[in-house]
Amino acid sequence: MSIKVTGFEKIEKKLENLAKLEINVKPALRTIGEMARNSIEDSFEKETSPFGERWKPLSSSTIFSEIRGGKKGSTIKSGKRHKKGFLKKYGVGGSRRILRRDGNLADNWVVRVSDDSVIVSNNTQSKNGFKYGLAHQFGANGTGRGKNGIIPARPFLPIDKNKKVESNLIKDIKVELENFVLKALK
């Protein structure tokens, strides 16, 4: 006795074609890299982690560090020396954004794609080699001139301390990969 199962010819053919294909995955990897970069840029725009946690506000020492830098063009208000435009920057509705002084960290993300991987990176650092990204993602102790400063963690990467990727990004990547595979099978 023998049993013959039929009706799977189309599926078998597609699986054979998939196995034979030398698919160029670079376009899908580039899209995934852009998704990650967009997630990072959204964090800077919203001043929250990709997981929705608000960043700690700027400390008073950070705010006043710009003022201490120079006395030209400053005015005295409430017994303190302020640069012109202080209230515009730091007052109610001020425009001074967290991690945006120069824009080096927020605006210099690069997506690099190879045949089998994608890297989203930002190598911004100070003249003396201080790595801004690491310090602000995870926080840092012993910073500043007196080495007693503390930089609070302000996570912007879509991955947490436990190496868990943000769930919306995972969903978006899965959809992109499904669409890519379906398109390749046509």
N, C-alpha and C. Protein backbone atom coordinates (compact mmCIF):
# COMPACT_ATOMS: atom_id res chain seq x y z
N MET A 1 0.83 -1.16 0.00
CA MET A 1 0.00 0.00 0.00
C MET A 1 0.89 1.24 0.00
N SER A 2 0.52 2.24 -0.77
CA SER A 2 1.25 3.51 -0.78
C SER A 2 0.25 4.66 -0.78
N ILE A 3 0.70 5.74 -0.20
CA ILE A 3 -0.14 6.94 -0.14
C ILE A 3 0.61 8.06 -0.82
N LYS A 4 -0.06 8.75 -1.69
CA LYS A 4 0.56 9.88 -2.39
C LYS A 4 -0.19 11.15 -2.00
N VAL A 5 0.55 12.10 -1.48
CA VAL A 5 -0.04 13.38 -1.10
C VAL A 5 0.25 14.37 -2.22
N THR A 6 -0.77 15.05 -2.68
CA THR A 6 -0.61 16.02 -3.76
C THR A 6 -1.13 17.39 -3.32
N GLY A 7 -0.84 18.39 -4.13
CA GLY A 7 -1.34 19.73 -3.86
C GLY A 7 -0.31 20.65 -3.24
N PHE A 8 0.88 20.11 -2.96
CA PHE A 8 1.93 20.93 -2.36
C PHE A 8 2.99 21.34 -3.38
N GLU A 9 2.71 21.11 -4.63
CA GLU A 9 3.70 21.39 -5.67
C GLU A 9 4.12 22.86 -5.68
N LYS A 10 3.15 23.75 -5.55
CA LYS A 10 3.46 25.19 -5.58
C LYS A 10 4.35 25.58 -4.39
N ILE A 11 4.01 25.04 -3.23
CA ILE A 11 4.80 25.35 -2.03
C ILE A 11 6.21 24.78 -2.18
N GLU A 12 6.31 23.54 -2.65
CA GLU A 12 7.62 22.93 -2.86
C GLU A 12 8.45 23.74 -3.83
N LYS A 13 7.85 24.20 -4.91
CA LYS A 13 8.56 24.99 -5.91
C LYS A 13 9.07 26.30 -5.30
N LYS A 14 8.21 26.95 -4.51
CA LYS A 14 8.62 28.21 -3.89
C LYS A 14 9.75 27.98 -2.89
N LEU A 15 9.68 26.89 -2.13
CA LEU A 15 10.75 26.59 -1.19
C LEU A 15 12.05 26.28 -1.91
N GLU A 16 11.96 25.56 -3.02
CA GLU A 16 13.16 25.29 -3.83
C GLU A 16 13.74 26.59 -4.37
N ASN A 17 12.87 27.45 -4.86
CA ASN A 17 13.32 28.74 -5.38
C ASN A 17 13.99 29.58 -4.29
N LEU A 18 13.40 29.55 -3.09
CA LEU A 18 13.96 30.31 -1.98
C LEU A 18 15.35 29.78 -1.62
N ALA A 19 15.50 28.47 -1.61
CA ALA A 19 16.79 27.87 -1.29
C ALA A 19 17.84 28.21 -2.34
N LYS A 20 17.43 28.34 -3.60
CA LYS A 20 18.37 28.63 -4.68
C LYS A 20 18.72 30.11 -4.80
N LEU A 21 17.84 30.93 -4.29
CA LEU A 21 18.03 32.37 -4.45
C LEU A 21 19.27 32.86 -3.71
N GLU A 22 19.98 33.72 -4.35
CA GLU A 22 21.02 34.46 -3.68
C GLU A 22 20.45 35.86 -3.51
N ILE A 23 19.70 36.01 -2.46
CA ILE A 23 18.96 37.25 -2.24
C ILE A 23 19.90 38.34 -1.73
N ASN A 24 19.80 39.50 -2.33
CA ASN A 24 20.52 40.67 -1.85
C ASN A 24 19.70 41.27 -0.71
N VAL A 25 20.17 41.09 0.51
CA VAL A 25 19.42 41.56 1.67
C VAL A 25 19.78 42.99 2.07
N LYS A 26 20.69 43.60 1.35
CA LYS A 26 21.10 44.96 1.70
C LYS A 26 19.94 45.95 1.78
N PRO A 27 18.99 45.92 0.83
CA PRO A 27 17.87 46.87 0.94
C PRO A 27 17.07 46.69 2.24
N ALA A 28 16.83 45.45 2.62
CA ALA A 28 16.09 45.20 3.87
C ALA A 28 16.91 45.64 5.07
N LEU A 29 18.21 45.37 5.05
CA LEU A 29 19.07 45.78 6.15
C LEU A 29 19.14 47.30 6.26
N ARG A 30 19.20 47.99 5.12
CA ARG A 30 19.22 49.45 5.13
C ARG A 30 17.93 49.98 5.77
N THR A 31 16.80 49.40 5.38
CA THR A 31 15.51 49.83 5.95
C THR A 31 15.49 49.61 7.46
N ILE A 32 16.00 48.47 7.91
CA ILE A 32 16.06 48.18 9.34
C ILE A 32 16.96 49.18 10.06
N GLY A 33 18.09 49.49 9.45
CA GLY A 33 18.99 50.50 10.02
C GLY A 33 18.33 51.86 10.13
N GLU A 34 17.58 52.23 9.10
CA GLU A 34 16.86 53.51 9.12
C GLU A 34 15.79 53.50 10.20
N MET A 35 15.14 52.36 10.41
CA MET A 35 14.14 52.25 11.48
C MET A 35 14.80 52.50 12.84
N ALA A 36 15.96 51.90 13.05
CA ALA A 36 16.67 52.09 14.32
C ALA A 36 17.09 53.55 14.47
N ARG A 37 17.62 54.14 13.39
CA ARG A 37 18.03 55.55 13.46
C ARG A 37 16.82 56.44 13.76
N ASN A 38 15.68 56.17 13.14
CA ASN A 38 14.48 56.96 13.41
C ASN A 38 14.05 56.84 14.87
N SER A 39 14.18 55.64 15.44
CA SER A 39 13.85 55.44 16.85
C SER A 39 14.75 56.29 17.73
N ILE A 40 16.04 56.32 17.40
CA ILE A 40 17.00 57.12 18.16
C ILE A 40 16.66 58.61 18.03
N GLU A 41 16.40 59.06 16.81
CA GLU A 41 16.08 60.47 16.58
C GLU A 41 14.78 60.86 17.29
N ASP A 42 13.81 59.94 17.34
CA ASP A 42 12.57 60.21 18.08
C ASP A 42 12.85 60.41 19.57
N SER A 43 13.81 59.65 20.11
CA SER A 43 14.16 59.81 21.52
C SER A 43 14.67 61.22 21.79
N PHE A 44 15.52 61.73 20.92
CA PHE A 44 16.04 63.08 21.11
C PHE A 44 14.93 64.11 20.94
N GLU A 45 14.05 63.90 20.00
CA GLU A 45 12.96 64.85 19.75
C GLU A 45 11.98 64.89 20.93
N LYS A 46 11.64 63.71 21.46
CA LYS A 46 10.65 63.61 22.55
C LYS A 46 11.28 63.70 23.93
N GLU A 47 12.61 63.64 24.00
CA GLU A 47 13.35 63.64 25.26
C GLU A 47 12.89 62.50 26.17
N THR A 48 12.72 61.34 25.55
CA THR A 48 12.35 60.12 26.28
C THR A 48 13.16 58.95 25.71
N SER A 49 13.25 57.89 26.49
CA SER A 49 13.88 56.68 25.97
C SER A 49 12.92 56.05 24.96
N PRO A 50 13.40 55.15 24.10
CA PRO A 50 12.49 54.45 23.19
C PRO A 50 11.43 53.63 23.93
N PHE A 51 11.66 53.40 25.22
CA PHE A 51 10.72 52.64 26.05
C PHE A 51 9.71 53.56 26.75
N GLY A 52 9.78 54.87 26.45
CA GLY A 52 8.80 55.83 26.97
C GLY A 52 9.15 56.50 28.28
N GLU A 53 10.36 56.28 28.81
CA GLU A 53 10.76 56.90 30.08
C GLU A 53 11.30 58.31 29.81
N ARG A 54 10.73 59.32 30.52
CA ARG A 54 11.19 60.70 30.35
C ARG A 54 12.63 60.83 30.82
N TRP A 55 13.41 61.62 30.09
CA TRP A 55 14.77 61.90 30.52
C TRP A 55 14.75 62.84 31.73
N LYS A 56 15.78 62.72 32.56
CA LYS A 56 15.91 63.64 33.68
C LYS A 56 16.15 65.04 33.11
N PRO A 57 15.58 66.08 33.74
CA PRO A 57 15.78 67.44 33.22
C PRO A 57 17.23 67.88 33.38
N LEU A 58 17.58 68.95 32.70
CA LEU A 58 18.91 69.51 32.83
C LEU A 58 19.13 69.97 34.26
N SER A 59 20.32 69.75 34.78
CA SER A 59 20.63 70.21 36.13
C SER A 59 20.91 71.71 36.10
N SER A 60 20.81 72.33 37.25
CA SER A 60 21.09 73.77 37.31
C SER A 60 22.53 74.05 36.94
N SER A 61 23.46 73.16 37.31
CA SER A 61 24.87 73.40 36.96
C SER A 61 25.07 73.34 35.45
N THR A 62 24.34 72.47 34.76
CA THR A 62 24.43 72.42 33.30
C THR A 62 23.88 73.69 32.70
N ILE A 63 22.75 74.13 33.20
CA ILE A 63 22.13 75.34 32.67
C ILE A 63 23.04 76.54 32.88
N PHE A 64 23.60 76.67 34.06
CA PHE A 64 24.43 77.83 34.35
C PHE A 64 25.85 77.72 33.84
N SER A 65 26.25 76.56 33.35
CA SER A 65 27.61 76.43 32.82
C SER A 65 27.82 77.34 31.62
N GLU A 66 26.79 77.54 30.82
CA GLU A 66 26.90 78.45 29.69
C GLU A 66 27.05 79.89 30.15
N ILE A 67 26.41 80.20 31.26
CA ILE A 67 26.44 81.56 31.78
C ILE A 67 27.80 81.85 32.40
N ARG A 68 28.35 80.89 33.13
CA ARG A 68 29.65 81.08 33.78
C ARG A 68 30.77 81.30 32.77
N GLY A 69 30.55 80.84 31.55
CA GLY A 69 31.60 80.91 30.54
C GLY A 69 32.04 82.30 30.18
N GLY A 70 31.21 83.29 30.26
CA GLY A 70 31.61 84.62 29.87
C GLY A 70 30.71 85.67 30.45
N LYS A 71 31.27 86.86 30.67
CA LYS A 71 30.49 87.94 31.27
C LYS A 71 30.03 88.95 30.24
N LYS A 72 30.57 88.90 29.05
CA LYS A 72 30.16 89.84 28.01
C LYS A 72 28.72 89.57 27.62
N GLY A 73 27.97 90.61 27.45
CA GLY A 73 26.59 90.47 27.01
C GLY A 73 25.68 89.90 28.07
N SER A 74 26.11 89.93 29.35
CA SER A 74 25.27 89.37 30.38
C SER A 74 24.57 90.49 31.16
N THR A 75 23.51 90.16 31.81
CA THR A 75 22.78 91.11 32.64
C THR A 75 22.60 90.50 34.02
N ILE A 76 22.33 91.35 35.00
CA ILE A 76 22.11 90.85 36.35
C ILE A 76 20.63 90.91 36.65
N LYS A 77 20.05 89.77 36.99
CA LYS A 77 18.65 89.67 37.38
C LYS A 77 18.58 88.84 38.64
N SER A 78 17.86 89.30 39.60
CA SER A 78 17.70 88.57 40.87
C SER A 78 19.05 88.25 41.50
N GLY A 79 20.00 89.16 41.37
CA GLY A 79 21.31 88.97 41.97
C GLY A 79 22.20 87.99 41.24
N LYS A 80 21.77 87.49 40.10
CA LYS A 80 22.58 86.54 39.33
C LYS A 80 22.88 87.12 37.97
N ARG A 81 24.04 86.81 37.45
CA ARG A 81 24.44 87.29 36.14
C ARG A 81 23.88 86.34 35.08
N HIS A 82 23.14 86.89 34.12
CA HIS A 82 22.52 86.09 33.06
C HIS A 82 22.89 86.67 31.71
N LYS A 83 23.12 85.80 30.77
CA LYS A 83 23.31 86.26 29.39
C LYS A 83 21.98 86.70 28.84
N LYS A 84 22.04 87.60 27.86
CA LYS A 84 20.81 88.03 27.21
C LYS A 84 20.15 86.81 26.58
N GLY A 85 18.87 86.78 26.65
CA GLY A 85 18.15 85.65 26.07
C GLY A 85 18.01 84.48 27.02
N PHE A 86 18.47 84.65 28.27
CA PHE A 86 18.42 83.54 29.22
C PHE A 86 17.00 83.00 29.37
N LEU A 87 16.05 83.91 29.59
CA LEU A 87 14.68 83.44 29.81
C LEU A 87 14.10 82.80 28.57
N LYS A 88 14.53 83.27 27.40
CA LYS A 88 14.05 82.64 26.17
C LYS A 88 14.53 81.20 26.11
N LYS A 89 15.78 80.99 26.52
CA LYS A 89 16.34 79.64 26.45
C LYS A 89 15.84 78.75 27.57
N TYR A 90 15.87 79.27 28.79
CA TYR A 90 15.66 78.41 29.95
C TYR A 90 14.39 78.69 30.73
N GLY A 91 13.72 79.80 30.44
CA GLY A 91 12.51 80.15 31.17
C GLY A 91 11.34 79.29 30.75
N VAL A 92 10.17 79.67 31.18
CA VAL A 92 8.97 78.92 30.84
C VAL A 92 8.85 78.84 29.33
N GLY A 93 8.73 77.65 28.82
CA GLY A 93 8.64 77.46 27.37
C GLY A 93 9.97 77.65 26.67
N GLY A 94 11.07 77.57 27.43
CA GLY A 94 12.39 77.78 26.86
C GLY A 94 12.74 76.75 25.80
N SER A 95 13.70 77.09 24.97
CA SER A 95 14.05 76.22 23.85
C SER A 95 15.27 75.35 24.12
N ARG A 96 15.90 75.48 25.28
CA ARG A 96 17.10 74.69 25.57
C ARG A 96 16.69 73.24 25.73
N ARG A 97 17.08 72.43 24.78
CA ARG A 97 16.68 71.02 24.75
C ARG A 97 17.75 70.16 25.42
N ILE A 98 17.33 69.06 25.99
CA ILE A 98 18.25 68.12 26.63
C ILE A 98 19.07 67.43 25.55
N LEU A 99 20.38 67.33 25.77
CA LEU A 99 21.34 66.69 24.86
C LEU A 99 21.34 67.31 23.46
N ARG A 100 21.09 68.62 23.38
CA ARG A 100 21.02 69.28 22.08
C ARG A 100 21.90 70.51 21.98
N ARG A 101 22.83 70.73 22.89
CA ARG A 101 23.61 71.96 22.87
C ARG A 101 24.27 72.17 21.51
N ASP A 102 25.03 71.19 21.04
CA ASP A 102 25.69 71.30 19.74
C ASP A 102 25.03 70.45 18.67
N GLY A 103 24.23 69.49 19.06
CA GLY A 103 23.58 68.61 18.10
C GLY A 103 24.47 67.48 17.62
N ASN A 104 25.70 67.40 18.14
CA ASN A 104 26.63 66.36 17.67
C ASN A 104 26.11 64.95 17.93
N LEU A 105 25.57 64.73 19.11
CA LEU A 105 25.09 63.39 19.44
C LEU A 105 23.75 63.10 18.77
N ALA A 106 22.87 64.06 18.76
CA ALA A 106 21.52 63.84 18.22
C ALA A 106 21.50 63.72 16.71
N ASP A 107 22.38 64.42 16.03
CA ASP A 107 22.26 64.57 14.58
C ASP A 107 23.29 63.82 13.74
N ASN A 108 24.17 63.07 14.34
CA ASN A 108 25.25 62.44 13.57
C ASN A 108 25.19 60.92 13.54
N TRP A 109 24.00 60.37 13.43
CA TRP A 109 23.86 58.92 13.37
C TRP A 109 24.05 58.45 11.94
N VAL A 110 24.85 57.40 11.78
CA VAL A 110 25.21 56.88 10.47
C VAL A 110 24.73 55.43 10.37
N VAL A 111 24.15 55.08 9.23
CA VAL A 111 23.73 53.69 8.97
C VAL A 111 24.70 53.10 7.96
N ARG A 112 25.39 52.02 8.35
CA ARG A 112 26.31 51.32 7.44
C ARG A 112 25.80 49.91 7.23
N VAL A 113 25.74 49.51 5.95
CA VAL A 113 25.19 48.20 5.58
C VAL A 113 26.26 47.40 4.86
N SER A 114 26.38 46.12 5.24
CA SER A 114 27.25 45.19 4.51
C SER A 114 26.35 44.11 3.91
N ASP A 115 26.95 43.06 3.39
CA ASP A 115 26.16 41.99 2.79
C ASP A 115 25.26 41.27 3.79
N ASP A 116 25.67 41.24 5.07
CA ASP A 116 24.90 40.46 6.03
C ASP A 116 24.69 41.15 7.38
N SER A 117 24.93 42.45 7.44
CA SER A 117 24.72 43.15 8.72
C SER A 117 24.45 44.63 8.49
N VAL A 118 23.94 45.25 9.53
CA VAL A 118 23.70 46.69 9.52
C VAL A 118 24.20 47.25 10.85
N ILE A 119 24.85 48.39 10.79
CA ILE A 119 25.37 49.05 11.98
C ILE A 119 24.85 50.48 11.98
N VAL A 120 24.27 50.89 13.11
CA VAL A 120 23.86 52.28 13.31
C VAL A 120 24.78 52.83 14.39
N SER A 121 25.55 53.86 14.05
CA SER A 121 26.56 54.32 15.00
C SER A 121 26.68 55.83 15.02
N ASN A 122 27.33 56.29 16.09
CA ASN A 122 27.65 57.69 16.27
C ASN A 122 28.91 57.72 17.12
N ASN A 123 29.98 58.18 16.56
CA ASN A 123 31.26 58.17 17.28
C ASN A 123 31.63 59.54 17.81
N THR A 124 30.65 60.37 18.10
CA THR A 124 30.91 61.71 18.60
C THR A 124 31.66 61.64 19.92
N GLN A 125 32.72 62.42 20.00
CA GLN A 125 33.48 62.50 21.24
C GLN A 125 34.12 63.88 21.34
N SER A 126 34.51 64.24 22.55
CA SER A 126 35.14 65.54 22.77
C SER A 126 36.59 65.49 22.32
N LYS A 127 37.25 66.65 22.38
CA LYS A 127 38.66 66.73 21.98
C LYS A 127 39.55 65.81 22.81
N ASN A 128 39.17 65.61 24.07
CA ASN A 128 39.99 64.74 24.93
C ASN A 128 39.52 63.29 24.94
N GLY A 129 38.61 62.93 24.02
CA GLY A 129 38.21 61.54 23.87
C GLY A 129 37.00 61.11 24.67
N PHE A 130 36.31 62.06 25.31
CA PHE A 130 35.11 61.73 26.08
C PHE A 130 34.02 61.28 25.13
N LYS A 131 33.50 60.07 25.33
CA LYS A 131 32.49 59.49 24.45
C LYS A 131 31.10 59.89 24.94
N TYR A 132 30.51 60.86 24.26
CA TYR A 132 29.21 61.39 24.67
C TYR A 132 28.13 60.31 24.72
N GLY A 133 28.05 59.48 23.69
CA GLY A 133 26.98 58.50 23.59
C GLY A 133 26.94 57.55 24.78
N LEU A 134 28.08 56.98 25.12
CA LEU A 134 28.13 56.04 26.25
C LEU A 134 27.72 56.72 27.54
N ALA A 135 28.25 57.92 27.77
CA ALA A 135 27.96 58.62 29.02
C ALA A 135 26.48 58.93 29.16
N HIS A 136 25.85 59.35 28.08
CA HIS A 136 24.45 59.74 28.19
C HIS A 136 23.50 58.55 28.11
N GLN A 137 23.87 57.50 27.41
CA GLN A 137 23.02 56.30 27.34
C GLN A 137 22.95 55.61 28.71
N PHE A 138 24.10 55.46 29.35
CA PHE A 138 24.17 54.68 30.59
C PHE A 138 24.40 55.52 31.85
N GLY A 139 24.71 56.82 31.68
CA GLY A 139 25.06 57.66 32.81
C GLY A 139 26.54 57.54 33.11
N ALA A 140 27.06 58.49 33.86
CA ALA A 140 28.49 58.47 34.18
C ALA A 140 28.73 59.19 35.50
N ASN A 141 29.66 58.66 36.27
CA ASN A 141 30.09 59.29 37.52
C ASN A 141 31.52 59.78 37.34
N GLY A 142 31.91 60.75 38.15
CA GLY A 142 33.29 61.24 38.10
C GLY A 142 33.58 62.07 36.87
N THR A 143 32.63 62.89 36.46
CA THR A 143 32.82 63.72 35.27
C THR A 143 33.06 65.18 35.67
N GLY A 144 33.43 65.98 34.72
CA GLY A 144 33.64 67.41 34.95
C GLY A 144 35.03 67.71 35.45
N ARG A 145 35.26 68.99 35.67
CA ARG A 145 36.61 69.44 36.08
C ARG A 145 37.04 68.84 37.42
N GLY A 146 36.13 68.79 38.38
CA GLY A 146 36.47 68.26 39.69
C GLY A 146 36.32 66.76 39.79
N LYS A 147 35.93 66.13 38.71
CA LYS A 147 35.72 64.67 38.65
C LYS A 147 34.71 64.19 39.69
N ASN A 148 33.80 65.08 40.11
CA ASN A 148 32.77 64.68 41.05
C ASN A 148 31.37 64.88 40.47
N GLY A 149 31.30 65.12 39.18
CA GLY A 149 30.01 65.31 38.52
C GLY A 149 29.34 63.98 38.20
N ILE A 150 28.04 64.06 38.05
CA ILE A 150 27.25 62.87 37.70
C ILE A 150 26.39 63.21 36.49
N ILE A 151 26.49 62.39 35.47
CA ILE A 151 25.63 62.54 34.30
C ILE A 151 24.56 61.46 34.41
N PRO A 152 23.28 61.86 34.51
CA PRO A 152 22.24 60.84 34.61
C PRO A 152 22.06 60.11 33.29
N ALA A 153 21.65 58.86 33.37
CA ALA A 153 21.37 58.10 32.15
C ALA A 153 20.17 58.72 31.44
N ARG A 154 20.33 58.96 30.16
CA ARG A 154 19.24 59.44 29.30
C ARG A 154 19.24 58.54 28.07
N PRO A 155 18.69 57.34 28.20
CA PRO A 155 18.77 56.35 27.13
C PRO A 155 18.08 56.81 25.85
N PHE A 156 18.76 56.59 24.74
CA PHE A 156 18.20 56.93 23.43
C PHE A 156 18.28 55.76 22.47
N LEU A 157 19.07 54.75 22.78
CA LEU A 157 19.17 53.57 21.92
C LEU A 157 17.97 52.65 22.18
N PRO A 158 17.44 52.00 21.14
CA PRO A 158 16.26 51.15 21.32
C PRO A 158 16.58 49.78 21.89
N ILE A 159 17.48 49.75 22.87
CA ILE A 159 17.85 48.50 23.54
C ILE A 159 18.12 48.84 25.00
N ASP A 160 17.63 48.00 25.91
CA ASP A 160 17.80 48.31 27.33
C ASP A 160 19.04 47.63 27.90
N LYS A 161 19.24 47.80 29.21
CA LYS A 161 20.41 47.23 29.88
C LYS A 161 20.46 45.71 29.78
N ASN A 162 19.31 45.08 29.64
CA ASN A 162 19.24 43.62 29.54
C ASN A 162 19.29 43.13 28.10
N LYS A 163 19.66 44.02 27.19
CA LYS A 163 19.78 43.73 25.76
C LYS A 163 18.44 43.40 25.11
N LYS A 164 17.37 43.94 25.68
CA LYS A 164 16.03 43.76 25.13
C LYS A 164 15.74 44.91 24.17
N VAL A 165 15.38 44.56 22.93
CA VAL A 165 15.07 45.57 21.92
C VAL A 165 13.64 46.05 22.13
N GLU A 166 13.42 47.32 21.91
CA GLU A 166 12.11 47.95 22.09
C GLU A 166 11.07 47.23 21.23
N SER A 167 9.92 46.91 21.81
CA SER A 167 8.94 46.02 21.17
C SER A 167 8.37 46.56 19.86
N ASN A 168 8.11 47.86 19.77
CA ASN A 168 7.58 48.40 18.51
C ASN A 168 8.59 48.28 17.38
N LEU A 169 9.87 48.46 17.70
CA LEU A 169 10.90 48.31 16.68
C LEU A 169 10.98 46.86 16.21
N ILE A 170 10.87 45.92 17.15
CA ILE A 170 10.87 44.50 16.77
C ILE A 170 9.71 44.20 15.83
N LYS A 171 8.52 44.70 16.17
CA LYS A 171 7.35 44.47 15.30
C LYS A 171 7.58 45.04 13.91
N ASP A 172 8.11 46.26 13.85
CA ASP A 172 8.36 46.90 12.54
C ASP A 172 9.39 46.12 11.72
N ILE A 173 10.41 45.61 12.39
CA ILE A 173 11.44 44.82 11.69
C ILE A 173 10.84 43.52 11.17
N LYS A 174 10.01 42.87 11.98
CA LYS A 174 9.37 41.62 11.52
C LYS A 174 8.51 41.87 10.29
N VAL A 175 7.74 42.94 10.30
CA VAL A 175 6.90 43.27 9.14
C VAL A 175 7.77 43.53 7.92
N GLU A 176 8.84 44.28 8.09
CA GLU A 176 9.74 44.57 6.97
C GLU A 176 10.34 43.28 6.41
N LEU A 177 10.79 42.39 7.28
CA LEU A 177 11.38 41.13 6.81
C LEU A 177 10.35 40.23 6.14
N GLU A 178 9.15 40.18 6.68
CA GLU A 178 8.09 39.39 6.04
C GLU A 178 7.80 39.92 4.64
N ASN A 179 7.67 41.23 4.52
CA ASN A 179 7.41 41.83 3.20
C ASN A 179 8.57 41.58 2.24
N PHE A 180 9.78 41.64 2.76
CA PHE A 180 10.96 41.42 1.93
C PHE A 180 10.99 39.98 1.40
N VAL A 181 10.72 39.02 2.27
CA VAL A 181 10.73 37.61 1.86
C VAL A 181 9.60 37.34 0.87
N LEU A 182 8.41 37.86 1.15
CA LEU A 182 7.29 37.65 0.23
C LEU A 182 7.59 38.24 -1.15
N LYS A 183 8.20 39.40 -1.17
CA LYS A 183 8.57 40.03 -2.44
C LYS A 183 9.61 39.19 -3.17
N ALA A 184 10.55 38.62 -2.43
CA ALA A 184 11.61 37.80 -3.04
C ALA A 184 11.04 36.50 -3.60
N LEU A 185 9.96 36.01 -3.03
CA LEU A 185 9.37 34.75 -3.49
C LEU A 185 8.49 34.91 -4.72
N LYS A 186 8.11 36.11 -5.04
CA LYS A 186 7.23 36.32 -6.21
C LYS A 186 7.94 36.05 -7.50
